[in-house]
Amino acid sequence: MLYGERVIQTLFIVLSVLLSLVSIGLTLRLNRINQAFSEYRLWAENEIERVSRTDTATGALKYSAFYDLLSSECRRAVREFTPLTLMKLDVRHLSGEEPSDAERYQVSEILKQRLSRPGDQLGRCGENQLCLLLPSTNEHAGVFAKVCHQAVNDAFTSSDVQFTLAACTFQPTANLTAEMASEMVNETLEKALNERPGEVLFHAEYTHDFNPMYT
């Protein structure tokens, strides 16, 4: 009888140890699953945010996201006392035909390759228009505007696509807001389309007190 009780006790201990090991194994497994799920959820949330802010046809920022960044950069320009530049590129066929999605995407890729600094941004600000935001720039950004214009022209030499680019450099005055900058660049683009279609029209608020360069 005593032997039988010892056997039962031994089996009970063995089973308890096995159950403990299984429990520990399951806990570790669940922790790994939870960690993997958390990482996937974080990736999914970031991806959703990225996609929701990006125009699928061009890969540029949607206008709402671009405008939010423009507002932030205007405030920072005033706060840090540095100018900024806003550009707007109009894309159209001389035949009147609408640019294709492939053409819009190609133009966007060409412009994105020219944006080398982390703060530079490209946004879609119209059906056939793209905007470039260049913080901490001065009136010499007009040279960069011509470089961008030449780059897209070179890529479409065999077609009738016309590119008209308006660019404005703003000094960090109290009047600098996203609304004011957008209105000014729109007026400049309208003037370019009427008077100099297919060319670059650059407007800058000059000052001798600023020296940041765009390179």
Protein backbone atom coordinates (compact mmCIF):
# COMPACT_ATOMS: atom_id res chain seq x y z
CA MET A 1 0.00 0.00 0.00
CA LEU A 2 2.82 2.33 0.88
CA TYR A 3 4.55 1.54 -2.41
CA GLY A 4 1.39 2.33 -4.32
CA GLU A 5 1.05 5.72 -2.62
CA ARG A 6 4.66 6.55 -3.50
CA VAL A 7 4.03 5.66 -7.12
CA ILE A 8 0.95 7.88 -7.17
CA GLN A 9 2.85 10.75 -5.53
CA THR A 10 5.69 10.36 -8.04
CA LEU A 11 3.27 10.36 -10.95
CA PHE A 12 1.53 13.42 -9.50
CA ILE A 13 4.83 15.26 -9.21
CA VAL A 14 5.86 14.30 -12.75
CA LEU A 15 2.51 15.39 -14.12
CA SER A 16 2.74 18.67 -12.19
CA VAL A 17 6.20 19.35 -13.64
CA LEU A 18 5.02 18.46 -17.14
CA LEU A 19 1.99 20.71 -16.80
CA SER A 20 4.22 23.52 -15.52
CA LEU A 21 6.57 23.09 -18.48
CA VAL A 22 3.64 23.04 -20.91
CA SER A 23 2.20 26.12 -19.24
CA ILE A 24 5.53 27.95 -19.49
CA GLY A 25 5.89 26.92 -23.12
CA LEU A 26 2.39 28.13 -23.97
CA THR A 27 3.01 31.40 -22.16
CA LEU A 28 6.22 32.01 -24.09
CA ARG A 29 4.46 31.09 -27.31
CA LEU A 30 1.58 33.47 -26.59
CA ASN A 31 4.03 36.24 -25.72
CA ARG A 32 5.79 35.76 -29.04
CA ILE A 33 2.46 35.78 -30.87
CA ASN A 34 1.37 38.94 -29.05
CA GLN A 35 4.68 40.61 -29.85
CA ALA A 36 4.42 39.64 -33.51
CA PHE A 37 0.82 40.86 -33.61
CA SER A 38 1.78 44.18 -32.01
CA GLU A 39 4.60 44.66 -34.52
CA TYR A 40 2.27 43.83 -37.40
CA ARG A 41 -0.41 46.17 -36.09
CA LEU A 42 2.13 48.99 -35.78
CA TRP A 43 3.33 48.33 -39.33
CA ALA A 44 -0.26 48.25 -40.61
CA GLU A 45 -1.16 51.51 -38.86
CA ASN A 46 1.94 53.21 -40.26
CA GLU A 47 1.22 51.83 -43.72
CA ILE A 48 -2.40 52.99 -43.59
CA GLU A 49 -1.28 56.46 -42.52
CA ARG A 50 1.33 56.57 -45.29
CA VAL A 51 -1.11 55.41 -47.95
CA SER A 52 -3.84 57.75 -46.76
CA ARG A 53 -1.44 60.69 -47.09
CA THR A 54 -0.13 59.66 -50.52
CA ASP A 55 -1.75 60.10 -53.90
CA THR A 56 -1.80 56.69 -55.56
CA ALA A 57 -1.52 58.04 -59.13
CA THR A 58 1.66 60.04 -58.56
CA GLY A 59 3.20 58.86 -55.29
CA ALA A 60 3.22 62.48 -54.10
CA LEU A 61 1.49 63.70 -50.96
CA LYS A 62 -2.21 64.41 -51.19
CA TYR A 63 -3.02 68.09 -51.14
CA SER A 64 -4.45 68.05 -47.61
CA ALA A 65 -1.27 66.47 -46.21
CA PHE A 66 0.93 68.77 -48.29
CA TYR A 67 -1.00 71.84 -47.12
CA ASP A 68 -0.60 70.78 -43.48
CA LEU A 69 3.17 70.55 -44.00
CA LEU A 70 3.19 73.91 -45.74
CA SER A 71 1.37 75.46 -42.78
CA SER A 72 3.88 73.96 -40.35
CA GLU A 73 6.86 75.08 -42.44
CA CYS A 74 5.52 78.63 -42.73
CA ARG A 75 5.24 78.85 -38.95
CA ARG A 76 8.70 77.37 -38.52
CA ALA A 77 10.15 79.76 -41.10
CA VAL A 78 8.86 82.72 -39.12
CA ARG A 79 9.98 81.19 -35.82
CA GLU A 80 13.48 80.34 -37.04
CA PHE A 81 13.80 83.39 -39.28
CA THR A 82 14.51 81.47 -42.51
CA PRO A 83 12.89 81.89 -45.97
CA LEU A 84 11.12 79.12 -47.84
CA THR A 85 10.22 78.42 -51.44
CA LEU A 86 7.00 77.06 -52.91
CA MET A 87 6.82 75.84 -56.52
CA LYS A 88 3.91 74.71 -58.66
CA LEU A 89 4.25 72.76 -61.92
CA ASP A 90 1.43 72.64 -64.46
CA VAL A 91 1.39 69.67 -66.86
CA ARG A 92 -0.69 69.71 -70.04
CA HIS A 93 -0.75 68.45 -73.62
CA LEU A 94 -0.76 71.11 -76.34
CA SER A 95 -3.37 68.97 -78.10
CA GLY A 96 -5.75 69.42 -75.18
CA GLU A 97 -5.56 65.75 -74.26
CA GLU A 98 -5.37 64.96 -70.56
CA PRO A 99 -2.00 63.70 -69.28
CA SER A 100 -2.09 59.98 -68.54
CA ASP A 101 -1.49 58.46 -65.11
CA ALA A 102 1.79 57.09 -66.40
CA GLU A 103 2.90 60.57 -67.44
CA ARG A 104 1.87 62.10 -64.13
CA TYR A 105 3.75 59.38 -62.26
CA GLN A 106 6.86 59.85 -64.40
CA VAL A 107 6.89 63.59 -63.75
CA SER A 108 6.46 62.98 -60.03
CA GLU A 109 9.38 60.54 -59.97
CA ILE A 110 11.62 62.99 -61.80
CA LEU A 111 10.84 65.75 -59.31
CA LYS A 112 11.27 63.48 -56.30
CA GLN A 113 14.74 62.58 -57.51
CA ARG A 114 15.63 66.28 -57.35
CA LEU A 115 14.52 66.63 -53.71
CA SER A 116 17.62 65.72 -51.74
CA ARG A 117 16.89 67.20 -48.30
CA PRO A 118 14.64 65.61 -45.63
CA GLY A 119 12.43 68.71 -45.35
CA ASP A 120 11.70 68.97 -49.08
CA GLN A 121 8.25 67.72 -50.04
CA LEU A 122 6.31 66.97 -53.20
CA GLY A 123 2.53 67.15 -53.30
CA ARG A 124 -0.27 66.83 -55.82
CA CYS A 125 -2.12 70.13 -55.72
CA GLY A 126 -4.38 69.77 -58.74
CA GLU A 127 -5.55 67.30 -61.36
CA ASN A 128 -2.47 68.00 -63.47
CA GLN A 129 -0.38 70.05 -61.06
CA LEU A 130 2.39 69.20 -58.59
CA CYS A 131 3.79 71.39 -55.81
CA LEU A 132 7.27 71.44 -54.30
CA LEU A 133 7.95 72.75 -50.80
CA LEU A 134 11.55 73.77 -50.10
CA PRO A 135 12.19 75.05 -46.56
CA SER A 136 15.27 77.14 -45.72
CA THR A 137 15.84 78.47 -49.23
CA ASN A 138 16.40 81.92 -50.67
CA GLU A 139 16.12 83.70 -54.00
CA HIS A 140 18.77 81.42 -55.48
CA ALA A 141 16.11 78.68 -55.52
CA GLY A 142 15.21 80.09 -58.93
CA VAL A 143 18.19 78.18 -60.30
CA PHE A 144 16.80 74.98 -58.82
CA ALA A 145 13.40 75.72 -60.37
CA LYS A 146 15.05 75.87 -63.82
CA VAL A 147 16.86 72.59 -63.13
CA CYS A 148 13.56 70.86 -62.30
CA HIS A 149 11.88 72.35 -65.35
CA GLN A 150 14.70 71.24 -67.63
CA ALA A 151 14.64 67.73 -66.16
CA VAL A 152 10.97 67.13 -66.95
CA ASN A 153 11.33 68.72 -70.39
CA ASP A 154 14.25 66.45 -71.22
CA ALA A 155 12.16 63.39 -70.35
CA PHE A 156 9.33 64.39 -72.73
CA THR A 157 11.16 65.72 -75.76
CA SER A 158 9.29 63.38 -78.09
CA SER A 159 5.80 64.40 -76.93
CA ASP A 160 3.66 67.53 -76.94
CA VAL A 161 3.57 67.83 -73.14
CA GLN A 162 4.03 71.40 -71.93
CA PHE A 163 5.43 72.17 -68.49
CA THR A 164 4.91 75.57 -66.90
CA LEU A 165 6.57 76.17 -63.54
CA ALA A 166 5.87 78.95 -61.05
CA ALA A 167 8.16 79.42 -58.05
CA CYS A 168 8.03 81.89 -55.18
CA THR A 169 10.52 82.48 -52.37
CA PHE A 170 9.06 84.03 -49.23
CA GLN A 171 10.83 85.86 -46.43
CA PRO A 172 9.80 84.97 -42.84
CA THR A 173 7.54 87.96 -42.19
CA ALA A 174 4.41 87.96 -40.05
CA ASN A 175 2.36 87.74 -43.26
CA LEU A 176 3.81 84.36 -44.24
CA THR A 177 1.07 81.73 -44.04
CA ALA A 178 0.16 78.70 -46.09
CA GLU A 179 -2.84 80.57 -47.48
CA MET A 180 -0.74 83.56 -48.55
CA ALA A 181 2.00 81.39 -50.07
CA SER A 182 -0.52 79.28 -52.00
CA GLU A 183 -2.31 82.35 -53.30
CA MET A 184 0.94 83.96 -54.44
CA VAL A 185 2.22 80.88 -56.26
CA ASN A 186 -1.20 80.39 -57.91
CA GLU A 187 -1.14 83.98 -59.17
CA THR A 188 2.41 83.49 -60.44
CA LEU A 189 1.42 80.30 -62.26
CA GLU A 190 -1.61 81.97 -63.79
CA LYS A 191 0.59 84.78 -65.05
CA ALA A 192 3.08 82.28 -66.45
CA LEU A 193 0.34 80.33 -68.27
CA ASN A 194 -0.96 83.55 -69.82
CA GLU A 195 2.32 85.23 -70.64
CA ARG A 196 5.06 82.57 -70.69
CA PRO A 197 3.50 79.10 -71.10
CA GLY A 198 6.02 76.31 -71.07
CA GLU A 199 8.58 78.36 -69.16
CA VAL A 200 9.65 79.15 -65.58
CA LEU A 201 8.39 82.24 -63.79
CA PHE A 202 10.15 82.96 -60.51
CA HIS A 203 9.25 85.55 -57.92
CA ALA A 204 11.35 86.23 -54.82
CA GLU A 205 11.11 88.55 -51.84
CA TYR A 206 14.69 89.80 -51.72
CA THR A 207 16.55 90.79 -48.59
CA HIS A 208 20.19 91.31 -47.68
CA ASP A 209 19.67 89.94 -44.18
CA PHE A 210 19.39 86.27 -45.17
CA ASN A 211 22.07 83.94 -46.38
CA PRO A 212 20.70 80.34 -46.44
CA MET A 213 21.48 78.62 -49.73
CA TYR A 214 19.80 75.77 -51.56
CA THR A 215 22.36 73.39 -52.93
